Amino acid sequence: MACSSDEALIEIVRRYEVLYNRKHTFYHDNRQKENAWEEISREIHCSVATCKKRWNSLRDNYRKSLRKRQHQSGDESKPIKKWKYEDIMSFMTPFFAEREQTSNIQQNESESEEAVDIEQQEESNSIPPSLNSDTPTSSRGSSPTTISKVMNPTPKFSRQQHVPPMAQVLKNYFDQKQAAKSEKKSDSLQKFFDAMQETVRTFAPEFQIEIKSQISTLVSEYEFKNLMAQKAKQDQQHDEQQVVTPSPPYYHNL
């Protein structure tokens, strides 16, 4: 049986965020990714290697199409023609933006550090060597400007004193935000249900419907039990508070 169309491959890959969403809990789990590709290969009747190669080509072509559109000139008389799969690949746009942001921040940081190194070198070369007391001076004497530079050289640029560039500030903010999200997603219960989701996703639609129905029934049952248990606990606490402490015995004068 021949492989399915590119449109079919795109729609199927779209369901497996673990393959392209860097924020997914199992994005760095190669086993999960291989399982996803195996399921995709069975659905479109192609080998895993062929599926990966076709997807990488589609993804790269879509990225190139977006970049061309972003860098096109203001001449509206010559609009850039849309790539044929641009609309159905649009779900990938947010993930491209995230990758570009991280890449640009790292590039700006590298350029800032390179500029610092160049500035340090220029300042170092601009300082003349110290005057040697044994070297005879010319009859005209040294100019005041030269002596001033020698006696009070410009302090060298220090990395410790350098104020972080805006790119570094943005990178720190982005890293902290990502760390907070990762910490939030590290909850064991969340991981369990994410794993169940990936497993159930591989089942046939009729099995998925049956599983969802059973899970819904089970959760509703235990939700009711939990509610009754909380109510019983509240009633018990209320009864304990209503217990009247007996008054001390009253003795009549004999």
C-alpha atoms as a PDB file:
ATOM      1  CA  MET A   1       0.000   0.000   0.000  1.00  0.00           C
ATOM      2  CA  ALA A   2       1.324   3.427  -0.976  1.00  0.00           C
ATOM      3  CA  CYS A   3       2.157   6.070   1.588  1.00  0.00           C
ATOM      4  CA  SER A   4      -0.530   8.563   2.472  1.00  0.00           C
ATOM      5  CA  SER A   5      -0.361  12.158   1.266  1.00  0.00           C
ATOM      6  CA  ASP A   6       1.633  14.947   2.858  1.00  0.00           C
ATOM      7  CA  GLU A   7      -1.613  16.476   4.129  1.00  0.00           C
ATOM      8  CA  ALA A   8      -2.411  13.257   5.993  1.00  0.00           C
ATOM      9  CA  LEU A   9       1.075  13.147   7.515  1.00  0.00           C
ATOM     10  CA  ILE A  10       0.775  16.754   8.717  1.00  0.00           C
ATOM     11  CA  GLU A  11      -2.614  16.154  10.326  1.00  0.00           C
ATOM     12  CA  ILE A  12      -1.389  13.010  12.090  1.00  0.00           C
ATOM     13  CA  VAL A  13       1.845  14.573  13.373  1.00  0.00           C
ATOM     14  CA  ARG A  14      -0.205  17.474  14.694  1.00  0.00           C
ATOM     15  CA  ARG A  15      -1.794  15.112  17.246  1.00  0.00           C
ATOM     16  CA  TYR A  16       1.606  14.176  18.699  1.00  0.00           C
ATOM     17  CA  GLU A  17       2.865  17.347  20.402  1.00  0.00           C
ATOM     18  CA  VAL A  18       5.704  15.390  21.977  1.00  0.00           C
ATOM     19  CA  LEU A  19       7.429  15.599  18.558  1.00  0.00           C
ATOM     20  CA  TYR A  20       7.507  19.401  18.265  1.00  0.00           C
ATOM     21  CA  ASN A  21       6.431  21.071  21.532  1.00  0.00           C
ATOM     22  CA  ARG A  22       9.563  21.782  23.585  1.00  0.00           C
ATOM     23  CA  LYS A  23       7.390  22.381  26.667  1.00  0.00           C
ATOM     24  CA  HIS A  24       5.852  18.911  26.525  1.00  0.00           C
ATOM     25  CA  THR A  25       6.567  16.758  29.579  1.00  0.00           C
ATOM     26  CA  PHE A  26       8.131  13.995  27.472  1.00  0.00           C
ATOM     27  CA  TYR A  27       9.771  16.139  24.779  1.00  0.00           C
ATOM     28  CA  HIS A  28      13.229  14.900  25.810  1.00  0.00           C
ATOM     29  CA  ASP A  29      12.078  11.276  26.154  1.00  0.00           C
ATOM     30  CA  ASN A  30      13.343   9.535  23.009  1.00  0.00           C
ATOM     31  CA  ARG A  31      11.331   6.405  23.776  1.00  0.00           C
ATOM     32  CA  GLN A  32       8.083   8.358  23.756  1.00  0.00           C
ATOM     33  CA  LYS A  33       9.047   9.993  20.468  1.00  0.00           C
ATOM     34  CA  GLU A  34       9.900   6.674  18.842  1.00  0.00           C
ATOM     35  CA  ASN A  35       6.555   5.246  19.963  1.00  0.00           C
ATOM     36  CA  ALA A  36       4.814   8.215  18.374  1.00  0.00           C
ATOM     37  CA  TRP A  37       6.669   7.778  15.076  1.00  0.00           C
ATOM     38  CA  GLU A  38       5.847   4.062  15.022  1.00  0.00           C
ATOM     39  CA  GLU A  39       2.156   4.850  15.428  1.00  0.00           C
ATOM     40  CA  ILE A  40       2.361   7.474  12.678  1.00  0.00           C
ATOM     41  CA  SER A  41       4.117   5.057  10.319  1.00  0.00           C
ATOM     42  CA  ARG A  42       1.355   2.493  10.805  1.00  0.00           C
ATOM     43  CA  GLU A  43      -1.348   5.065  10.123  1.00  0.00           C
ATOM     44  CA  ILE A  44       0.096   6.354   6.850  1.00  0.00           C
ATOM     45  CA  HIS A  45       1.674   3.029   5.773  1.00  0.00           C
ATOM     46  CA  CYS A  46       5.254   4.310   5.552  1.00  0.00           C
ATOM     47  CA  SER A  47       8.452   3.412   7.337  1.00  0.00           C
ATOM     48  CA  VAL A  48       9.513   5.452  10.358  1.00  0.00           C
ATOM     49  CA  ALA A  49      12.560   6.749   8.481  1.00  0.00           C
ATOM     50  CA  THR A  50      10.394   7.913   5.568  1.00  0.00           C
ATOM     51  CA  CYS A  51       7.928   9.606   7.915  1.00  0.00           C
ATOM     52  CA  LYS A  52      10.702  11.492   9.694  1.00  0.00           C
ATOM     53  CA  LYS A  53      12.349  12.547   6.424  1.00  0.00           C
ATOM     54  CA  ARG A  54       9.079  13.793   4.935  1.00  0.00           C
ATOM     55  CA  TRP A  55       8.125  15.647   8.118  1.00  0.00           C
ATOM     56  CA  ASN A  56      11.521  17.349   8.403  1.00  0.00           C
ATOM     57  CA  SER A  57      11.238  18.493   4.793  1.00  0.00           C
ATOM     58  CA  LEU A  58       7.706  19.833   5.316  1.00  0.00           C
ATOM     59  CA  ARG A  59       8.702  21.620   8.512  1.00  0.00           C
ATOM     60  CA  ASP A  60      11.765  23.236   6.920  1.00  0.00           C
ATOM     61  CA  ASN A  61       9.801  24.367   3.866  1.00  0.00           C
ATOM     62  CA  TYR A  62       7.170  25.932   6.089  1.00  0.00           C
ATOM     63  CA  ARG A  63       9.838  27.754   8.101  1.00  0.00           C
ATOM     64  CA  LYS A  64      11.419  29.104   4.895  1.00  0.00           C
ATOM     65  CA  SER A  65       8.017  30.256   3.668  1.00  0.00           C
ATOM     66  CA  LEU A  66       7.411  32.193   6.885  1.00  0.00           C
ATOM     67  CA  ARG A  67      10.828  33.848   6.723  1.00  0.00           C
ATOM     68  CA  LYS A  68      10.303  34.942   3.126  1.00  0.00           C
ATOM     69  CA  ARG A  69       6.992  36.514   4.073  1.00  0.00           C
ATOM     70  CA  GLN A  70       8.558  38.317   7.050  1.00  0.00           C
ATOM     71  CA  HIS A  71      11.428  39.762   4.998  1.00  0.00           C
ATOM     72  CA  GLN A  72       9.520  40.691   1.866  1.00  0.00           C
ATOM     73  CA  SER A  73       9.778  44.292   0.683  1.00  0.00           C
ATOM     74  CA  GLY A  74       6.984  46.838   0.972  1.00  0.00           C
ATOM     75  CA  ASP A  75       6.110  46.469  -2.717  1.00  0.00           C
ATOM     76  CA  GLU A  76       2.545  45.174  -2.494  1.00  0.00           C
ATOM     77  CA  SER A  77       2.368  44.717  -6.268  1.00  0.00           C
ATOM     78  CA  LYS A  78       4.535  41.604  -5.942  1.00  0.00           C
ATOM     79  CA  PRO A  79       3.115  39.580  -3.044  1.00  0.00           C
ATOM     80  CA  ILE A  80       4.848  36.346  -2.154  1.00  0.00           C
ATOM     81  CA  LYS A  81       2.766  33.327  -3.075  1.00  0.00           C
ATOM     82  CA  LYS A  82       1.709  31.125  -0.202  1.00  0.00           C
ATOM     83  CA  TRP A  83       3.320  27.732   0.164  1.00  0.00           C
ATOM     84  CA  LYS A  84       0.750  25.024  -0.634  1.00  0.00           C
ATOM     85  CA  TYR A  85       0.729  23.578   2.919  1.00  0.00           C
ATOM     86  CA  GLU A  86       1.099  26.870   4.760  1.00  0.00           C
ATOM     87  CA  ASP A  87      -2.430  26.903   6.163  1.00  0.00           C
ATOM     88  CA  ILE A  88      -2.500  23.375   7.575  1.00  0.00           C
ATOM     89  CA  MET A  89       1.023  23.826   8.976  1.00  0.00           C
ATOM     90  CA  SER A  90       0.058  27.023  10.823  1.00  0.00           C
ATOM     91  CA  PHE A  91      -0.135  25.164  14.153  1.00  0.00           C
ATOM     92  CA  MET A  92       3.687  25.081  14.114  1.00  0.00           C
ATOM     93  CA  THR A  93       4.060  28.883  14.068  1.00  0.00           C
ATOM     94  CA  PRO A  94       4.117  29.405  17.891  1.00  0.00           C
ATOM     95  CA  PHE A  95       6.815  26.753  18.273  1.00  0.00           C
ATOM     96  CA  PHE A  96       8.967  28.375  15.571  1.00  0.00           C
ATOM     97  CA  ALA A  97       8.610  31.731  17.372  1.00  0.00           C
ATOM     98  CA  GLU A  98       9.812  30.193  20.642  1.00  0.00           C
ATOM     99  CA  ARG A  99      12.854  28.637  18.983  1.00  0.00           C
ATOM    100  CA  GLU A 100      13.703  31.896  17.183  1.00  0.00           C
ATOM    101  CA  GLN A 101      13.448  33.849  20.453  1.00  0.00           C
ATOM    102  CA  THR A 102      15.854  31.519  22.226  1.00  0.00           C
ATOM    103  CA  SER A 103      18.251  31.541  19.259  1.00  0.00           C
ATOM    104  CA  ASN A 104      18.235  35.351  18.964  1.00  0.00           C
ATOM    105  CA  ILE A 105      18.869  35.818  22.675  1.00  0.00           C
ATOM    106  CA  GLN A 106      21.870  33.488  22.569  1.00  0.00           C
ATOM    107  CA  GLN A 107      23.204  35.202  19.426  1.00  0.00           C
ATOM    108  CA  ASN A 108      22.845  38.684  20.945  1.00  0.00           C
ATOM    109  CA  GLU A 109      24.601  37.517  24.092  1.00  0.00           C
ATOM    110  CA  SER A 110      27.494  36.149  22.010  1.00  0.00           C
ATOM    111  CA  GLU A 111      27.764  39.390  20.033  1.00  0.00           C
ATOM    112  CA  SER A 112      27.760  41.443  23.248  1.00  0.00           C
ATOM    113  CA  GLU A 113      30.613  39.376  24.700  1.00  0.00           C
ATOM    114  CA  GLU A 114      32.582  39.734  21.447  1.00  0.00           C
ATOM    115  CA  ALA A 115      32.116  43.509  21.546  1.00  0.00           C
ATOM    116  CA  VAL A 116      33.428  43.558  25.119  1.00  0.00           C
ATOM    117  CA  ASP A 117      36.565  41.676  24.069  1.00  0.00           C
ATOM    118  CA  ILE A 118      37.207  44.116  21.206  1.00  0.00           C
ATOM    119  CA  GLU A 119      36.716  47.119  23.481  1.00  0.00           C
ATOM    120  CA  GLN A 120      39.135  45.680  26.034  1.00  0.00           C
ATOM    121  CA  GLN A 121      41.753  45.152  23.344  1.00  0.00           C
ATOM    122  CA  GLU A 122      41.375  48.674  21.935  1.00  0.00           C
ATOM    123  CA  GLU A 123      41.648  50.272  25.364  1.00  0.00           C
ATOM    124  CA  SER A 124      44.711  48.192  26.166  1.00  0.00           C
ATOM    125  CA  ASN A 125      46.430  49.201  22.907  1.00  0.00           C
ATOM    126  CA  SER A 126      45.627  52.883  23.395  1.00  0.00           C
ATOM    127  CA  ILE A 127      47.705  53.103  26.619  1.00  0.00           C
ATOM    128  CA  PRO A 128      51.354  54.001  25.872  1.00  0.00           C
ATOM    129  CA  PRO A 129      54.147  52.122  27.689  1.00  0.00           C
ATOM    130  CA  SER A 130      55.353  53.488  31.032  1.00  0.00           C
ATOM    131  CA  LEU A 131      58.137  56.046  30.937  1.00  0.00           C
ATOM    132  CA  ASN A 132      61.553  54.709  31.837  1.00  0.00           C
ATOM    133  CA  SER A 133      63.473  57.017  34.166  1.00  0.00           C
ATOM    134  CA  ASP A 134      66.778  55.895  32.578  1.00  0.00           C
ATOM    135  CA  THR A 135      65.673  56.859  29.071  1.00  0.00           C
ATOM    136  CA  PRO A 136      66.734  60.391  28.087  1.00  0.00           C
ATOM    137  CA  THR A 137      63.937  62.723  27.075  1.00  0.00           C
ATOM    138  CA  SER A 138      63.912  64.957  24.006  1.00  0.00           C
ATOM    139  CA  SER A 139      64.849  68.601  24.284  1.00  0.00           C
ATOM    140  CA  ARG A 140      61.254  69.636  23.778  1.00  0.00           C
ATOM    141  CA  GLY A 141      60.025  67.454  26.672  1.00  0.00           C
ATOM    142  CA  SER A 142      56.951  65.278  26.791  1.00  0.00           C
ATOM    143  CA  SER A 143      53.591  66.817  26.068  1.00  0.00           C
ATOM    144  CA  PRO A 144      51.253  67.267  29.055  1.00  0.00           C
ATOM    145  CA  THR A 145      48.622  65.131  27.330  1.00  0.00           C
ATOM    146  CA  THR A 146      50.986  62.176  26.957  1.00  0.00           C
ATOM    147  CA  ILE A 147      52.180  62.450  30.569  1.00  0.00           C
ATOM    148  CA  SER A 148      48.587  62.635  31.755  1.00  0.00           C
ATOM    149  CA  LYS A 149      47.723  59.449  29.879  1.00  0.00           C
ATOM    150  CA  VAL A 150      50.736  57.645  31.296  1.00  0.00           C
ATOM    151  CA  MET A 151      50.254  58.789  34.884  1.00  0.00           C
ATOM    152  CA  ASN A 152      46.491  58.260  34.807  1.00  0.00           C
ATOM    153  CA  PRO A 153      45.799  55.419  32.395  1.00  0.00           C
ATOM    154  CA  THR A 154      42.226  54.667  31.479  1.00  0.00           C
ATOM    155  CA  PRO A 155      41.018  51.804  33.684  1.00  0.00           C
ATOM    156  CA  LYS A 156      40.585  48.554  31.819  1.00  0.00           C
ATOM    157  CA  PHE A 157      37.092  47.304  31.159  1.00  0.00           C
ATOM    158  CA  SER A 158      36.045  44.680  33.663  1.00  0.00           C
ATOM    159  CA  ARG A 159      33.501  41.973  32.953  1.00  0.00           C
ATOM    160  CA  GLN A 160      32.454  41.999  36.606  1.00  0.00           C
ATOM    161  CA  GLN A 161      31.613  45.707  36.386  1.00  0.00           C
ATOM    162  CA  HIS A 162      29.841  45.375  33.045  1.00  0.00           C
ATOM    163  CA  VAL A 163      26.094  45.871  33.195  1.00  0.00           C
ATOM    164  CA  PRO A 164      24.367  42.878  31.558  1.00  0.00           C
ATOM    165  CA  PRO A 165      22.993  43.745  28.105  1.00  0.00           C
ATOM    166  CA  MET A 166      19.282  43.675  27.435  1.00  0.00           C
ATOM    167  CA  ALA A 167      19.655  40.312  25.701  1.00  0.00           C
ATOM    168  CA  GLN A 168      21.038  38.794  28.908  1.00  0.00           C
ATOM    169  CA  VAL A 169      18.200  40.274  30.950  1.00  0.00           C
ATOM    170  CA  LEU A 170      15.643  38.815  28.554  1.00  0.00           C
ATOM    171  CA  LYS A 171      17.388  35.458  28.569  1.00  0.00           C
ATOM    172  CA  ASN A 172      17.362  35.335  32.376  1.00  0.00           C
ATOM    173  CA  TYR A 173      13.670  36.182  32.416  1.00  0.00           C
ATOM    174  CA  PHE A 174      12.926  33.555  29.781  1.00  0.00           C
ATOM    175  CA  ASP A 175      14.930  30.883  31.664  1.00  0.00           C
ATOM    176  CA  GLN A 176      13.171  31.654  34.946  1.00  0.00           C
ATOM    177  CA  LYS A 177       9.786  31.472  33.255  1.00  0.00           C
ATOM    178  CA  GLN A 178      10.636  28.147  31.680  1.00  0.00           C
ATOM    179  CA  ALA A 179      11.945  26.791  34.996  1.00  0.00           C
ATOM    180  CA  ALA A 180       8.731  27.786  36.749  1.00  0.00           C
ATOM    181  CA  LYS A 181       6.650  26.013  34.113  1.00  0.00           C
ATOM    182  CA  SER A 182       8.834  22.921  34.283  1.00  0.00           C
ATOM    183  CA  GLU A 183       8.546  22.827  38.068  1.00  0.00           C
ATOM    184  CA  LYS A 184       4.783  23.108  37.830  1.00  0.00           C
ATOM    185  CA  LYS A 185       4.636  20.256  35.339  1.00  0.00           C
ATOM    186  CA  SER A 186       6.831  17.994  37.461  1.00  0.00           C
ATOM    187  CA  ASP A 187       3.867  17.010  39.619  1.00  0.00           C
ATOM    188  CA  SER A 188       3.686  13.199  39.776  1.00  0.00           C
ATOM    189  CA  LEU A 189      -0.071  13.133  39.184  1.00  0.00           C
ATOM    190  CA  GLN A 190       0.300  15.313  36.094  1.00  0.00           C
ATOM    191  CA  LYS A 191       3.033  13.040  34.769  1.00  0.00           C
ATOM    192  CA  PHE A 192       0.848   9.991  35.334  1.00  0.00           C
ATOM    193  CA  PHE A 193      -2.089  11.379  33.372  1.00  0.00           C
ATOM    194  CA  ASP A 194       0.213  12.658  30.629  1.00  0.00           C
ATOM    195  CA  ALA A 195       1.629   9.150  30.254  1.00  0.00           C
ATOM    196  CA  MET A 196      -1.870   7.677  30.178  1.00  0.00           C
ATOM    197  CA  GLN A 197      -2.848  10.207  27.545  1.00  0.00           C
ATOM    198  CA  GLU A 198       0.040   9.212  25.291  1.00  0.00           C
ATOM    199  CA  THR A 199      -0.876   5.540  25.670  1.00  0.00           C
ATOM    200  CA  VAL A 200      -4.610   5.970  25.072  1.00  0.00           C
ATOM    201  CA  ARG A 201      -3.880   8.162  22.046  1.00  0.00           C
ATOM    202  CA  THR A 202      -2.452   5.092  20.310  1.00  0.00           C
ATOM    203  CA  PHE A 203      -5.710   3.111  20.677  1.00  0.00           C
ATOM    204  CA  ALA A 204      -8.460   2.845  18.108  1.00  0.00           C
ATOM    205  CA  PRO A 205     -11.182   5.554  18.371  1.00  0.00           C
ATOM    206  CA  GLU A 206     -13.807   3.109  19.673  1.00  0.00           C
ATOM    207  CA  PHE A 207     -11.489   2.013  22.480  1.00  0.00           C
ATOM    208  CA  GLN A 208     -10.713   5.637  23.330  1.00  0.00           C
ATOM    209  CA  ILE A 209     -14.429   6.372  23.693  1.00  0.00           C
ATOM    210  CA  GLU A 210     -14.934   3.347  25.957  1.00  0.00           C
ATOM    211  CA  ILE A 211     -11.947   4.251  28.143  1.00  0.00           C
ATOM    212  CA  LYS A 212     -13.070   7.869  28.506  1.00  0.00           C
ATOM    213  CA  SER A 213     -16.548   6.699  29.505  1.00  0.00           C
ATOM    214  CA  GLN A 214     -15.206   4.324  32.155  1.00  0.00           C
ATOM    215  CA  ILE A 215     -12.800   6.888  33.555  1.00  0.00           C
ATOM    216  CA  SER A 216     -15.570   9.483  33.747  1.00  0.00           C
ATOM    217  CA  THR A 217     -17.812   7.047  35.630  1.00  0.00           C
ATOM    218  CA  LEU A 218     -15.024   6.083  38.025  1.00  0.00           C
ATOM    219  CA  VAL A 219     -14.061   9.691  38.760  1.00  0.00           C
ATOM    220  CA  SER A 220     -17.705  10.642  39.383  1.00  0.00           C
ATOM    221  CA  GLU A 221     -18.113   7.716  41.782  1.00  0.00           C
ATOM    222  CA  TYR A 222     -15.084   8.677  43.852  1.00  0.00           C
ATOM    223  CA  GLU A 223     -15.977  12.342  43.692  1.00  0.00           C
ATOM    224  CA  PHE A 224     -19.265  11.469  45.416  1.00  0.00           C
ATOM    225  CA  LYS A 225     -17.478   9.253  47.969  1.00  0.00           C
ATOM    226  CA  ASN A 226     -15.010  12.034  48.733  1.00  0.00           C
ATOM    227  CA  LEU A 227     -17.852  14.507  49.192  1.00  0.00           C
ATOM    228  CA  MET A 228     -19.647  12.164  51.618  1.00  0.00           C
ATOM    229  CA  ALA A 229     -16.439  11.572  53.582  1.00  0.00           C
ATOM    230  CA  GLN A 230     -15.854  15.317  53.955  1.00  0.00           C
ATOM    231  CA  LYS A 231     -19.466  15.842  55.066  1.00  0.00           C
ATOM    232  CA  ALA A 232     -19.202  13.054  57.657  1.00  0.00           C
ATOM    233  CA  LYS A 233     -16.013  14.591  59.027  1.00  0.00           C
ATOM    234  CA  GLN A 234     -17.646  18.016  59.297  1.00  0.00           C
ATOM    235  CA  ASP A 235     -20.690  16.524  61.084  1.00  0.00           C
ATOM    236  CA  GLN A 236     -18.424  14.748  63.550  1.00  0.00           C
ATOM    237  CA  GLN A 237     -16.546  17.950  64.342  1.00  0.00           C
ATOM    238  CA  HIS A 238     -19.857  19.774  64.783  1.00  0.00           C
ATOM    239  CA  ASP A 239     -21.160  17.124  67.214  1.00  0.00           C
ATOM    240  CA  GLU A 240     -17.975  17.286  69.274  1.00  0.00           C
ATOM    241  CA  GLN A 241     -18.357  21.041  69.626  1.00  0.00           C
ATOM    242  CA  GLN A 242     -21.979  20.658  70.777  1.00  0.00           C
ATOM    243  CA  VAL A 243     -21.144  18.347  73.690  1.00  0.00           C
ATOM    244  CA  VAL A 244     -22.125  20.154  76.911  1.00  0.00           C
ATOM    245  CA  THR A 245     -19.636  19.940  79.739  1.00  0.00           C
ATOM    246  CA  PRO A 246     -21.512  18.784  82.934  1.00  0.00           C
ATOM    247  CA  SER A 247     -21.658  21.347  85.717  1.00  0.00           C
ATOM    248  CA  PRO A 248     -20.062  20.516  89.092  1.00  0.00           C
ATOM    249  CA  PRO A 249     -22.426  18.929  91.687  1.00  0.00           C
ATOM    250  CA  TYR A 250     -24.359  21.311  93.938  1.00  0.00           C
ATOM    251  CA  TYR A 251     -24.284  20.524  97.661  1.00  0.00           C
ATOM    252  CA  HIS A 252     -27.144  21.761  99.879  1.00  0.00           C
ATOM    253  CA  ASN A 253     -26.337  23.026 103.339  1.00  0.00           C
ATOM    254  CA  LEU A 254     -27.348  20.412 105.862  1.00  0.00           C
END
